[in-house]
Amino acid sequence: MSANSVVSQLRGLLEKAEQILPKLTKLYPTEEQWTALSDLSRGLSAAGTAIGDRVQQLKNTREHRAWKESEKHRLHALACVGDLLTSNRLKQATIFRRNIVAIFEGPKHSLFDSDDVRVRKEATQRRCEQIRDTSHDGVISWAIAFAPSLWAGGAMANDIFSCILDSIEPDQSPPWPSVIRTTLQMLQEDEPRLQNSPDFGKFLAGQEEEPSNTYQGGVFIVHKEDVRYALSLDQHVWEIWLTNPEQRYNTYDGMKRSFLTLWVSEEMGEELGRRGKLMVANKDTV
């Protein structure tokens, strides 16, 4: 049975139950009928609760499955960002340009579109808006990674799309190479619709802002033993990023170092924070 069929049946049951409700005020049942009404109402309540619990269980299962199924796409996006920052080259410039145009212009509609095509284009339009609602860095990270045909409406499941979108934001604002800004400026000159797009104008202006940390929060030194403890709990650990910087960062001995970024659950982050030593506080706390 399809999901549409189940939704239709449940909607019909709900409508019938709502229609019965006002009729109860005009009833004069016998004692036996009172007993039957009580038993039936308890049965309906139990069935409603069971359906709600089952729907939530299926949703949770699907969310977990969607997270796993989206893993290859999320890792691909991370790899694309890393490759761009390392090489300073936009290796898939065509995909980047097509994405920027698609994200800010949306799909082109036609009077000859069939109903199915119109529905898919409307879904694509919503996804374009969702991508534009991410940060400046989120839009760039998305545009360099996925061809428009991959994420368009009807090509990718909604929950897969949501999982990728939720993880597309970089932890810190990357130092994007100049080829990004140059390409965006050329696109604005080449695409009349982008020239008249307020959203694209704001997006392009964002290139002029100084990069800053996307998130605010405390910075802690964590003991190696506690890191080993965190890594032993797979359910609390997600991606691990390795950065090999080209320039020397401020360290106590002036040596150049690589560093790891370990993505963990909120619970694990709070636990490691309690065990660690606070080095830089959130701006709101100082």
C-alpha atoms as a PDB file:
ATOM      1  CA  MET A   1       0.000   0.000   0.000  1.00  0.00           C
ATOM      2  CA  SER A   2       1.335   3.426  -0.951  1.00  0.00           C
ATOM      3  CA  ALA A   3       1.887   6.293   1.472  1.00  0.00           C
ATOM      4  CA  ASN A   4      -0.743   8.343  -0.385  1.00  0.00           C
ATOM      5  CA  SER A   5      -3.299   5.578   0.172  1.00  0.00           C
ATOM      6  CA  VAL A   6      -2.543   5.415   3.912  1.00  0.00           C
ATOM      7  CA  VAL A   7      -2.741   9.195   4.243  1.00  0.00           C
ATOM      8  CA  SER A   8      -6.071   9.198   2.395  1.00  0.00           C
ATOM      9  CA  GLN A   9      -7.508   6.485   4.656  1.00  0.00           C
ATOM     10  CA  LEU A  10      -6.357   8.185   7.854  1.00  0.00           C
ATOM     11  CA  ARG A  11      -7.748  11.517   6.667  1.00  0.00           C
ATOM     12  CA  GLY A  12     -11.069   9.843   5.948  1.00  0.00           C
ATOM     13  CA  LEU A  13     -11.166   8.245   9.415  1.00  0.00           C
ATOM     14  CA  LEU A  14     -10.351  11.568  11.063  1.00  0.00           C
ATOM     15  CA  GLU A  15     -13.077  13.385   9.137  1.00  0.00           C
ATOM     16  CA  LYS A  16     -15.656  10.741  10.093  1.00  0.00           C
ATOM     17  CA  ALA A  17     -14.635  10.927  13.753  1.00  0.00           C
ATOM     18  CA  GLU A  18     -14.967  14.710  13.703  1.00  0.00           C
ATOM     19  CA  GLN A  19     -18.428  14.411  12.141  1.00  0.00           C
ATOM     20  CA  ILE A  20     -19.567  12.004  14.886  1.00  0.00           C
ATOM     21  CA  LEU A  21     -18.422  14.272  17.733  1.00  0.00           C
ATOM     22  CA  PRO A  22     -21.311  16.843  17.616  1.00  0.00           C
ATOM     23  CA  LYS A  23     -23.842  14.005  17.298  1.00  0.00           C
ATOM     24  CA  LEU A  24     -22.887  12.649  20.727  1.00  0.00           C
ATOM     25  CA  THR A  25     -24.607  15.565  22.474  1.00  0.00           C
ATOM     26  CA  LYS A  26     -27.974  14.393  21.145  1.00  0.00           C
ATOM     27  CA  LEU A  27     -27.709  10.753  22.169  1.00  0.00           C
ATOM     28  CA  TYR A  28     -29.749   9.025  24.856  1.00  0.00           C
ATOM     29  CA  PRO A  29     -28.071   5.610  25.034  1.00  0.00           C
ATOM     30  CA  THR A  30     -29.030   2.676  27.205  1.00  0.00           C
ATOM     31  CA  GLU A  31     -26.624   1.338  29.826  1.00  0.00           C
ATOM     32  CA  GLU A  32     -25.476  -1.328  27.407  1.00  0.00           C
ATOM     33  CA  GLN A  33     -24.876   1.306  24.721  1.00  0.00           C
ATOM     34  CA  TRP A  34     -22.902   3.448  27.211  1.00  0.00           C
ATOM     35  CA  THR A  35     -20.626   0.490  27.790  1.00  0.00           C
ATOM     36  CA  ALA A  36     -20.185  -0.051  24.050  1.00  0.00           C
ATOM     37  CA  LEU A  37     -19.462   3.647  23.455  1.00  0.00           C
ATOM     38  CA  SER A  38     -16.852   3.693  26.226  1.00  0.00           C
ATOM     39  CA  ASP A  39     -15.171   0.548  24.906  1.00  0.00           C
ATOM     40  CA  LEU A  40     -15.126   1.857  21.337  1.00  0.00           C
ATOM     41  CA  SER A  41     -13.783   5.289  22.319  1.00  0.00           C
ATOM     42  CA  ARG A  42     -10.975   3.663  24.311  1.00  0.00           C
ATOM     43  CA  GLY A  43     -10.221   1.443  21.332  1.00  0.00           C
ATOM     44  CA  LEU A  44     -10.074   4.447  18.999  1.00  0.00           C
ATOM     45  CA  SER A  45      -7.805   6.291  21.434  1.00  0.00           C
ATOM     46  CA  ALA A  46      -5.478   3.307  21.733  1.00  0.00           C
ATOM     47  CA  ALA A  47      -5.410   2.842  17.952  1.00  0.00           C
ATOM     48  CA  GLY A  48      -4.631   6.552  17.464  1.00  0.00           C
ATOM     49  CA  THR A  49      -1.790   6.384  19.969  1.00  0.00           C
ATOM     50  CA  ALA A  50      -0.397   3.227  18.364  1.00  0.00           C
ATOM     51  CA  ILE A  51      -0.527   4.826  14.899  1.00  0.00           C
ATOM     52  CA  GLY A  52       1.235   7.944  16.198  1.00  0.00           C
ATOM     53  CA  ASP A  53       3.946   5.879  17.880  1.00  0.00           C
ATOM     54  CA  ARG A  54       4.449   3.774  14.768  1.00  0.00           C
ATOM     55  CA  VAL A  55       4.658   6.834  12.505  1.00  0.00           C
ATOM     56  CA  GLN A  56       7.296   8.386  14.805  1.00  0.00           C
ATOM     57  CA  GLN A  57       9.258   5.137  14.880  1.00  0.00           C
ATOM     58  CA  LEU A  58       9.220   4.898  11.091  1.00  0.00           C
ATOM     59  CA  LYS A  59      10.235   8.557  10.815  1.00  0.00           C
ATOM     60  CA  ASN A  60      13.181   8.065  13.182  1.00  0.00           C
ATOM     61  CA  THR A  61      14.250   4.964  11.266  1.00  0.00           C
ATOM     62  CA  ARG A  62      14.024   6.815   7.969  1.00  0.00           C
ATOM     63  CA  GLU A  63      15.994   9.795   9.342  1.00  0.00           C
ATOM     64  CA  HIS A  64      18.778   7.427  10.442  1.00  0.00           C
ATOM     65  CA  ARG A  65      18.729   5.678   7.067  1.00  0.00           C
ATOM     66  CA  ALA A  66      18.740   9.024   5.237  1.00  0.00           C
ATOM     67  CA  TRP A  67      21.765  10.153   7.247  1.00  0.00           C
ATOM     68  CA  LYS A  68      23.640   6.989   6.261  1.00  0.00           C
ATOM     69  CA  GLU A  69      22.527   7.191   2.625  1.00  0.00           C
ATOM     70  CA  SER A  70      23.622  10.819   2.400  1.00  0.00           C
ATOM     71  CA  GLU A  71      27.081  10.086   3.797  1.00  0.00           C
ATOM     72  CA  LYS A  72      28.786   9.738   0.414  1.00  0.00           C
ATOM     73  CA  HIS A  73      27.366  13.102  -0.671  1.00  0.00           C
ATOM     74  CA  ARG A  74      28.393  14.815   2.577  1.00  0.00           C
ATOM     75  CA  LEU A  75      31.916  13.433   2.329  1.00  0.00           C
ATOM     76  CA  HIS A  76      32.069  14.455  -1.333  1.00  0.00           C
ATOM     77  CA  ALA A  77      31.168  18.047  -0.400  1.00  0.00           C
ATOM     78  CA  LEU A  78      33.909  18.112   2.249  1.00  0.00           C
ATOM     79  CA  ALA A  79      36.414  16.736  -0.254  1.00  0.00           C
ATOM     80  CA  CYS A  80      35.472  19.379  -2.837  1.00  0.00           C
ATOM     81  CA  VAL A  81      35.994  22.196  -0.335  1.00  0.00           C
ATOM     82  CA  GLY A  82      39.330  20.740   0.756  1.00  0.00           C
ATOM     83  CA  ASP A  83      40.507  20.303  -2.823  1.00  0.00           C
ATOM     84  CA  LEU A  84      39.551  23.874  -3.747  1.00  0.00           C
ATOM     85  CA  LEU A  85      41.347  25.361  -0.732  1.00  0.00           C
ATOM     86  CA  THR A  86      44.433  23.224  -1.341  1.00  0.00           C
ATOM     87  CA  SER A  87      44.770  23.712  -5.100  1.00  0.00           C
ATOM     88  CA  ASN A  88      43.221  27.213  -5.402  1.00  0.00           C
ATOM     89  CA  ARG A  89      41.663  25.909  -8.609  1.00  0.00           C
ATOM     90  CA  LEU A  90      37.978  25.598  -9.489  1.00  0.00           C
ATOM     91  CA  LYS A  91      38.285  22.229 -11.206  1.00  0.00           C
ATOM     92  CA  GLN A  92      34.568  21.864 -11.986  1.00  0.00           C
ATOM     93  CA  ALA A  93      33.916  25.450 -12.989  1.00  0.00           C
ATOM     94  CA  THR A  94      31.000  24.503 -15.255  1.00  0.00           C
ATOM     95  CA  ILE A  95      29.110  22.836 -12.402  1.00  0.00           C
ATOM     96  CA  PHE A  96      29.803  25.826 -10.141  1.00  0.00           C
ATOM     97  CA  ARG A  97      28.474  28.297 -12.721  1.00  0.00           C
ATOM     98  CA  ARG A  98      25.390  26.208 -13.502  1.00  0.00           C
ATOM     99  CA  ASN A  99      24.649  25.852  -9.802  1.00  0.00           C
ATOM    100  CA  ILE A 100      24.929  29.566  -9.062  1.00  0.00           C
ATOM    101  CA  VAL A 101      22.593  30.385 -11.941  1.00  0.00           C
ATOM    102  CA  ALA A 102      20.147  27.655 -10.909  1.00  0.00           C
ATOM    103  CA  ILE A 103      20.187  28.608  -7.204  1.00  0.00           C
ATOM    104  CA  PHE A 104      19.545  32.303  -7.797  1.00  0.00           C
ATOM    105  CA  GLU A 105      17.379  32.141 -10.909  1.00  0.00           C
ATOM    106  CA  GLY A 106      15.424  28.978 -10.189  1.00  0.00           C
ATOM    107  CA  PRO A 107      14.029  26.657 -12.878  1.00  0.00           C
ATOM    108  CA  LYS A 108      12.617  28.116 -16.083  1.00  0.00           C
ATOM    109  CA  HIS A 109       8.889  27.530 -16.442  1.00  0.00           C
ATOM    110  CA  SER A 110       6.991  26.960 -19.669  1.00  0.00           C
ATOM    111  CA  LEU A 111       3.340  27.031 -20.661  1.00  0.00           C
ATOM    112  CA  PHE A 112       3.954  23.601 -22.163  1.00  0.00           C
ATOM    113  CA  ASP A 113       5.087  22.010 -18.886  1.00  0.00           C
ATOM    114  CA  SER A 114       3.116  18.907 -17.946  1.00  0.00           C
ATOM    115  CA  ASP A 115       1.686  18.576 -14.429  1.00  0.00           C
ATOM    116  CA  ASP A 116       4.553  16.289 -13.390  1.00  0.00           C
ATOM    117  CA  VAL A 117       7.171  18.672 -14.747  1.00  0.00           C
ATOM    118  CA  ARG A 118       5.509  21.622 -13.024  1.00  0.00           C
ATOM    119  CA  VAL A 119       5.508  19.770  -9.689  1.00  0.00           C
ATOM    120  CA  ARG A 120       9.210  18.908 -10.040  1.00  0.00           C
ATOM    121  CA  LYS A 121      10.084  22.495 -10.923  1.00  0.00           C
ATOM    122  CA  GLU A 122       8.165  23.785  -7.914  1.00  0.00           C
ATOM    123  CA  ALA A 123      10.121  21.376  -5.701  1.00  0.00           C
ATOM    124  CA  THR A 124      13.371  22.575  -7.299  1.00  0.00           C
ATOM    125  CA  GLN A 125      12.364  26.189  -6.655  1.00  0.00           C
ATOM    126  CA  ARG A 126      11.852  25.435  -2.953  1.00  0.00           C
ATOM    127  CA  ARG A 127      15.260  23.780  -2.789  1.00  0.00           C
ATOM    128  CA  CYS A 128      16.881  26.796  -4.447  1.00  0.00           C
ATOM    129  CA  GLU A 129      15.351  28.980  -1.733  1.00  0.00           C
ATOM    130  CA  GLN A 130      16.594  26.634   0.992  1.00  0.00           C
ATOM    131  CA  ILE A 131      20.137  26.714  -0.379  1.00  0.00           C
ATOM    132  CA  ARG A 132      20.022  30.526  -0.608  1.00  0.00           C
ATOM    133  CA  ASP A 133      18.959  30.591   3.059  1.00  0.00           C
ATOM    134  CA  THR A 134      22.290  29.061   4.080  1.00  0.00           C
ATOM    135  CA  SER A 135      25.314  31.267   4.682  1.00  0.00           C
ATOM    136  CA  HIS A 136      27.499  32.670   1.911  1.00  0.00           C
ATOM    137  CA  ASP A 137      29.969  29.841   2.572  1.00  0.00           C
ATOM    138  CA  GLY A 138      27.167  27.276   2.511  1.00  0.00           C
ATOM    139  CA  VAL A 139      26.066  28.351  -0.967  1.00  0.00           C
ATOM    140  CA  ILE A 140      29.627  28.140  -2.314  1.00  0.00           C
ATOM    141  CA  SER A 141      30.214  24.761  -0.662  1.00  0.00           C
ATOM    142  CA  TRP A 142      27.037  23.439  -2.280  1.00  0.00           C
ATOM    143  CA  ALA A 143      27.711  24.968  -5.692  1.00  0.00           C
ATOM    144  CA  ILE A 144      31.179  23.441  -6.077  1.00  0.00           C
ATOM    145  CA  ALA A 145      30.034  19.944  -5.108  1.00  0.00           C
ATOM    146  CA  PHE A 146      26.789  18.845  -6.766  1.00  0.00           C
ATOM    147  CA  ALA A 147      25.528  19.117 -10.327  1.00  0.00           C
ATOM    148  CA  PRO A 148      22.033  20.699 -10.529  1.00  0.00           C
ATOM    149  CA  SER A 149      20.648  17.508 -12.044  1.00  0.00           C
ATOM    150  CA  LEU A 150      21.593  15.636  -8.855  1.00  0.00           C
ATOM    151  CA  TRP A 151      19.678  17.795  -6.357  1.00  0.00           C
ATOM    152  CA  ALA A 152      16.754  18.990  -8.500  1.00  0.00           C
ATOM    153  CA  GLY A 153      13.219  18.128  -7.416  1.00  0.00           C
ATOM    154  CA  GLY A 154      12.418  14.507  -8.191  1.00  0.00           C
ATOM    155  CA  ALA A 155      16.096  13.543  -8.534  1.00  0.00           C
ATOM    156  CA  MET A 156      16.929  13.338  -4.829  1.00  0.00           C
ATOM    157  CA  ALA A 157      14.689  12.351  -1.903  1.00  0.00           C
ATOM    158  CA  ASN A 158      13.696  15.207   0.406  1.00  0.00           C
ATOM    159  CA  ASP A 159      15.267  13.679   3.508  1.00  0.00           C
ATOM    160  CA  ILE A 160      18.561  13.031   1.690  1.00  0.00           C
ATOM    161  CA  PHE A 161      18.577  16.629   0.478  1.00  0.00           C
ATOM    162  CA  SER A 162      17.865  17.892   4.001  1.00  0.00           C
ATOM    163  CA  CYS A 163      20.696  15.826   5.512  1.00  0.00           C
ATOM    164  CA  ILE A 164      23.199  17.206   3.014  1.00  0.00           C
ATOM    165  CA  LEU A 165      21.952  20.767   3.431  1.00  0.00           C
ATOM    166  CA  ASP A 166      22.121  20.534   7.237  1.00  0.00           C
ATOM    167  CA  SER A 167      25.813  19.592   7.054  1.00  0.00           C
ATOM    168  CA  ILE A 168      26.950  21.853   4.207  1.00  0.00           C
ATOM    169  CA  GLU A 169      27.969  24.796   6.406  1.00  0.00           C
ATOM    170  CA  PRO A 170      31.742  24.907   7.052  1.00  0.00           C
ATOM    171  CA  ASP A 171      32.832  25.057  10.675  1.00  0.00           C
ATOM    172  CA  GLN A 172      34.834  28.196   9.891  1.00  0.00           C
ATOM    173  CA  SER A 173      34.589  30.639   7.016  1.00  0.00           C
ATOM    174  CA  PRO A 174      37.170  29.304   4.503  1.00  0.00           C
ATOM    175  CA  PRO A 175      39.644  31.605   2.733  1.00  0.00           C
ATOM    176  CA  TRP A 176      38.076  31.077  -0.686  1.00  0.00           C
ATOM    177  CA  PRO A 177      40.552  31.544  -3.566  1.00  0.00           C
ATOM    178  CA  SER A 178      40.156  34.567  -5.849  1.00  0.00           C
ATOM    179  CA  VAL A 179      38.783  32.376  -8.658  1.00  0.00           C
ATOM    180  CA  ILE A 180      35.474  32.183  -6.756  1.00  0.00           C
ATOM    181  CA  ARG A 181      34.926  35.930  -6.676  1.00  0.00           C
ATOM    182  CA  THR A 182      36.161  36.351 -10.254  1.00  0.00           C
ATOM    183  CA  THR A 183      33.733  33.703 -11.500  1.00  0.00           C
ATOM    184  CA  LEU A 184      30.830  35.250  -9.583  1.00  0.00           C
ATOM    185  CA  GLN A 185      31.558  38.706 -11.009  1.00  0.00           C
ATOM    186  CA  MET A 186      31.739  37.319 -14.547  1.00  0.00           C
ATOM    187  CA  LEU A 187      28.455  35.501 -14.032  1.00  0.00           C
ATOM    188  CA  GLN A 188      26.801  38.720 -12.954  1.00  0.00           C
ATOM    189  CA  GLU A 189      28.003  40.426 -16.132  1.00  0.00           C
ATOM    190  CA  ASP A 190      26.949  37.487 -18.306  1.00  0.00           C
ATOM    191  CA  GLU A 191      23.526  36.698 -16.812  1.00  0.00           C
ATOM    192  CA  PRO A 192      20.942  39.512 -17.053  1.00  0.00           C
ATOM    193  CA  ARG A 193      18.688  37.851 -14.461  1.00  0.00           C
ATOM    194  CA  LEU A 194      21.531  37.766 -11.958  1.00  0.00           C
ATOM    195  CA  GLN A 195      22.123  41.470 -12.551  1.00  0.00           C
ATOM    196  CA  ASN A 196      18.551  42.165 -11.439  1.00  0.00           C
ATOM    197  CA  SER A 197      18.550  39.690  -8.545  1.00  0.00           C
ATOM    198  CA  PRO A 198      18.606  41.338  -5.078  1.00  0.00           C
ATOM    199  CA  ASP A 199      19.494  37.977  -3.525  1.00  0.00           C
ATOM    200  CA  PHE A 200      22.512  37.551  -5.786  1.00  0.00           C
ATOM    201  CA  GLY A 201      23.559  41.151  -5.132  1.00  0.00           C
ATOM    202  CA  LYS A 202      23.602  40.503  -1.374  1.00  0.00           C
ATOM    203  CA  PHE A 203      25.394  37.217  -1.913  1.00  0.00           C
ATOM    204  CA  LEU A 204      28.095  38.831  -4.049  1.00  0.00           C
ATOM    205  CA  ALA A 205      28.520  41.625  -1.499  1.00  0.00           C
ATOM    206  CA  GLY A 206      29.196  38.959   1.117  1.00  0.00           C
ATOM    207  CA  GLN A 207      32.458  38.182  -0.695  1.00  0.00           C
ATOM    208  CA  GLU A 208      33.775  41.545   0.471  1.00  0.00           C
ATOM    209  CA  GLU A 209      33.237  40.840   4.151  1.00  0.00           C
ATOM    210  CA  GLU A 210      36.094  39.650   6.319  1.00  0.00           C
ATOM    211  CA  PRO A 211      35.948  35.899   6.957  1.00  0.00           C
ATOM    212  CA  SER A 212      34.929  35.058  10.498  1.00  0.00           C
ATOM    213  CA  ASN A 213      34.041  31.991  12.506  1.00  0.00           C
ATOM    214  CA  THR A 214      30.614  30.766  11.477  1.00  0.00           C
ATOM    215  CA  TYR A 215      29.789  29.650  15.002  1.00  0.00           C
ATOM    216  CA  GLN A 216      30.492  31.194  18.384  1.00  0.00           C
ATOM    217  CA  GLY A 217      31.398  29.136  21.388  1.00  0.00           C
ATOM    218  CA  GLY A 218      34.039  28.275  23.949  1.00  0.00           C
ATOM    219  CA  VAL A 219      37.404  26.830  22.872  1.00  0.00           C
ATOM    220  CA  PHE A 220      38.862  24.127  25.092  1.00  0.00           C
ATOM    221  CA  ILE A 221      42.099  22.190  25.412  1.00  0.00           C
ATOM    222  CA  VAL A 222      41.138  18.523  25.701  1.00  0.00           C
ATOM    223  CA  HIS A 223      43.339  15.798  27.186  1.00  0.00           C
ATOM    224  CA  LYS A 224      44.471  13.023  24.833  1.00  0.00           C
ATOM    225  CA  GLU A 225      42.888  10.396  27.104  1.00  0.00           C
ATOM    226  CA  ASP A 226      39.514  12.126  26.738  1.00  0.00           C
ATOM    227  CA  VAL A 227      39.893  12.224  22.940  1.00  0.00           C
ATOM    228  CA  ARG A 228      40.560   8.477  22.953  1.00  0.00           C
ATOM    229  CA  TYR A 229      37.450   8.049  25.094  1.00  0.00           C
ATOM    230  CA  ALA A 230      35.365  10.047  22.587  1.00  0.00           C
ATOM    231  CA  LEU A 231      36.710   8.093  19.612  1.00  0.00           C
ATOM    232  CA  SER A 232      35.759   4.808  21.301  1.00  0.00           C
ATOM    233  CA  LEU A 233      32.051   5.763  21.173  1.00  0.00           C
ATOM    234  CA  ASP A 234      31.096   5.542  17.496  1.00  0.00           C
ATOM    235  CA  GLN A 235      27.525   6.678  18.125  1.00  0.00           C
ATOM    236  CA  HIS A 236      28.789  10.098  19.246  1.00  0.00           C
ATOM    237  CA  VAL A 237      31.372  10.631  16.482  1.00  0.00           C
ATOM    238  CA  TRP A 238      30.747  11.847  12.915  1.00  0.00           C
ATOM    239  CA  GLU A 239      33.270  13.210  10.412  1.00  0.00           C
ATOM    240  CA  ILE A 240      36.917  13.820  11.260  1.00  0.00           C
ATOM    241  CA  TRP A 241      38.661  16.548   9.251  1.00  0.00           C
ATOM    242  CA  LEU A 242      42.423  16.808   8.701  1.00  0.00           C
ATOM    243  CA  THR A 243      43.886  20.198   7.778  1.00  0.00           C
ATOM    244  CA  ASN A 244      47.467  20.600   6.559  1.00  0.00           C
ATOM    245  CA  PRO A 245      47.865  24.417   6.531  1.00  0.00           C
ATOM    246  CA  GLU A 246      50.275  26.039   4.105  1.00  0.00           C
ATOM    247  CA  GLN A 247      51.109  28.853   6.535  1.00  0.00           C
ATOM    248  CA  ARG A 248      52.453  28.718  10.086  1.00  0.00           C
ATOM    249  CA  TYR A 249      49.883  29.210  12.826  1.00  0.00           C
ATOM    250  CA  ASN A 250      50.603  30.695  16.246  1.00  0.00           C
ATOM    251  CA  THR A 251      51.948  27.898  18.436  1.00  0.00           C
ATOM    252  CA  TYR A 252      54.026  28.000  21.564  1.00  0.00           C
ATOM    253  CA  ASP A 253      57.184  26.891  19.743  1.00  0.00           C
ATOM    254  CA  GLY A 254      56.508  28.562  16.385  1.00  0.00           C
ATOM    255  CA  MET A 255      56.432  25.224  14.559  1.00  0.00           C
ATOM    256  CA  LYS A 256      54.054  24.506  11.688  1.00  0.00           C
ATOM    257  CA  ARG A 257      51.393  21.933  12.580  1.00  0.00           C
ATOM    258  CA  SER A 258      48.466  20.087  11.059  1.00  0.00           C
ATOM    259  CA  PHE A 259      45.265  19.740  13.029  1.00  0.00           C
ATOM    260  CA  LEU A 260      42.197  17.527  13.287  1.00  0.00           C
ATOM    261  CA  THR A 261      38.592  18.689  13.619  1.00  0.00           C
ATOM    262  CA  LEU A 262      36.476  16.031  15.316  1.00  0.00           C
ATOM    263  CA  TRP A 263      32.692  16.341  14.892  1.00  0.00           C
ATOM    264  CA  VAL A 264      30.888  14.851  17.905  1.00  0.00           C
ATOM    265  CA  SER A 265      27.376  14.894  19.344  1.00  0.00           C
ATOM    266  CA  GLU A 266      26.230  17.764  21.559  1.00  0.00           C
ATOM    267  CA  GLU A 267      26.268  15.454  24.584  1.00  0.00           C
ATOM    268  CA  MET A 268      29.854  14.417  23.929  1.00  0.00           C
ATOM    269  CA  GLY A 269      30.855  18.044  23.362  1.00  0.00           C
ATOM    270  CA  GLU A 270      29.443  19.046  26.744  1.00  0.00           C
ATOM    271  CA  GLU A 271      31.205  16.142  28.438  1.00  0.00           C
ATOM    272  CA  LEU A 272      34.570  16.974  26.841  1.00  0.00           C
ATOM    273  CA  GLY A 273      34.059  20.621  27.759  1.00  0.00           C
ATOM    274  CA  ARG A 274      33.631  19.686  31.420  1.00  0.00           C
ATOM    275  CA  ARG A 275      36.822  17.621  31.295  1.00  0.00           C
ATOM    276  CA  GLY A 276      38.844  20.145  29.289  1.00  0.00           C
ATOM    277  CA  LYS A 277      40.429  23.516  30.036  1.00  0.00           C
ATOM    278  CA  LEU A 278      38.652  26.636  28.748  1.00  0.00           C
ATOM    279  CA  MET A 279      41.031  28.752  26.640  1.00  0.00           C
ATOM    280  CA  VAL A 280      38.709  31.163  24.759  1.00  0.00           C
ATOM    281  CA  ALA A 281      35.243  31.977  26.082  1.00  0.00           C
ATOM    282  CA  ASN A 282      32.140  32.763  24.088  1.00  0.00           C
ATOM    283  CA  LYS A 283      31.832  36.513  23.465  1.00  0.00           C
ATOM    284  CA  ASP A 284      28.584  36.535  25.446  1.00  0.00           C
ATOM    285  CA  THR A 285      30.382  35.283  28.565  1.00  0.00           C
ATOM    286  CA  VAL A 286      33.325  37.698  28.712  1.00  0.00           C
END
